Amino acid sequence: DTFSLGVCNGCQLMALLGWVGPGDVPAGPAGAVALERNLSGRFESRFVTVRVEPGPALMLRGMEGARLGVWVAHGEG
């Protein structure tokens, strides 16, 4: 019951441990979170819009329904 933030390799580790994604769905390629290489095989960077959904995250409390622009950049998926 603690706050954890995984960025880049930290997020990869948290996904492999099953710490991110729905609790009732197994981690890994068959589950809600899959870590795969990009189809292009190259580094990719894009600006995307995400919507904050209702949930237990303390950091996002009061932001439900907000749309945020974020950069995503990755070479490994």
Protein backbone atom coordinates (compact mmCIF):
# COMPACT_ATOMS: atom_id res chain seq x y z
CA ASP A 1 0.00 0.00 0.00
CA THR A 2 2.63 2.52 -1.06
CA PHE A 3 3.02 4.92 -3.95
CA SER A 4 5.39 3.70 -6.66
CA LEU A 5 6.29 5.41 -9.94
CA GLY A 6 8.05 3.40 -12.62
CA VAL A 7 9.57 5.33 -15.51
CA CYS A 8 11.33 3.74 -18.49
CA ASN A 9 13.11 0.61 -17.24
CA GLY A 10 11.29 1.00 -13.92
CA CYS A 11 7.97 0.64 -15.72
CA GLN A 12 9.28 -2.41 -17.58
CA LEU A 13 10.28 -4.00 -14.28
CA MET A 14 6.93 -3.18 -12.66
CA ALA A 15 5.10 -4.72 -15.64
CA LEU A 16 7.19 -7.89 -15.48
CA LEU A 17 6.49 -8.14 -11.73
CA GLY A 18 2.76 -7.72 -12.37
CA TRP A 19 2.56 -4.46 -10.42
CA VAL A 20 0.87 -2.50 -13.24
CA GLY A 21 -2.35 -3.35 -15.03
CA PRO A 22 -5.56 -4.83 -13.68
CA GLY A 23 -4.99 -7.01 -10.64
CA ASP A 24 -7.03 -9.88 -12.05
CA VAL A 25 -5.08 -10.07 -15.34
CA PRO A 26 -1.66 -11.77 -15.42
CA ALA A 27 1.37 -9.72 -16.47
CA GLY A 28 3.41 -10.45 -19.56
CA PRO A 29 2.54 -10.97 -23.23
CA ALA A 30 -0.70 -12.84 -22.46
CA GLY A 31 -1.89 -10.25 -19.93
CA ALA A 32 -2.90 -6.60 -19.88
CA VAL A 33 0.68 -5.33 -20.20
CA ALA A 34 2.96 -6.56 -22.98
CA LEU A 35 6.51 -5.35 -23.58
CA GLU A 36 7.50 -5.86 -27.19
CA ARG A 37 9.90 -4.23 -29.62
CA ASN A 38 8.55 -1.54 -31.95
CA LEU A 39 7.39 -2.80 -35.34
CA SER A 40 9.75 -0.29 -36.98
CA GLY A 41 12.71 -1.65 -35.03
CA ARG A 42 13.75 1.97 -34.34
CA PHE A 43 13.40 4.59 -31.64
CA GLU A 44 10.00 6.34 -31.86
CA SER A 45 8.70 9.52 -30.27
CA ARG A 46 5.12 10.87 -30.42
CA PHE A 47 2.87 13.40 -28.71
CA VAL A 48 -0.35 11.71 -27.57
CA THR A 49 -3.47 12.64 -25.62
CA VAL A 50 -4.51 10.57 -22.62
CA ARG A 51 -7.68 10.75 -20.53
CA VAL A 52 -7.61 10.32 -16.75
CA GLU A 53 -10.06 7.58 -15.76
CA PRO A 54 -11.55 7.20 -12.28
CA GLY A 55 -9.32 5.06 -10.07
CA PRO A 56 -7.46 4.80 -6.78
CA ALA A 57 -4.31 6.72 -7.86
CA LEU A 58 -3.61 9.45 -5.29
CA MET A 59 -1.61 11.50 -7.77
CA LEU A 60 -4.60 11.75 -10.14
CA ARG A 61 -7.33 12.33 -7.54
CA GLY A 62 -9.70 15.07 -8.67
CA MET A 63 -8.48 14.90 -12.28
CA GLU A 64 -11.01 12.32 -13.55
CA GLY A 65 -12.06 13.11 -17.12
CA ALA A 66 -9.11 15.45 -17.77
CA ARG A 67 -7.32 15.10 -21.09
CA LEU A 68 -3.56 15.55 -20.95
CA GLY A 69 -0.96 15.79 -23.68
CA VAL A 70 2.15 13.72 -23.05
CA TRP A 71 5.23 12.73 -25.01
CA VAL A 72 5.93 9.04 -25.40
CA ALA A 73 9.35 7.96 -26.58
CA HIS A 74 10.62 4.42 -26.68
CA GLY A 75 12.90 2.08 -28.49
CA GLU A 76 11.83 -1.20 -26.93
CA GLY A 77 8.04 -0.93 -26.82
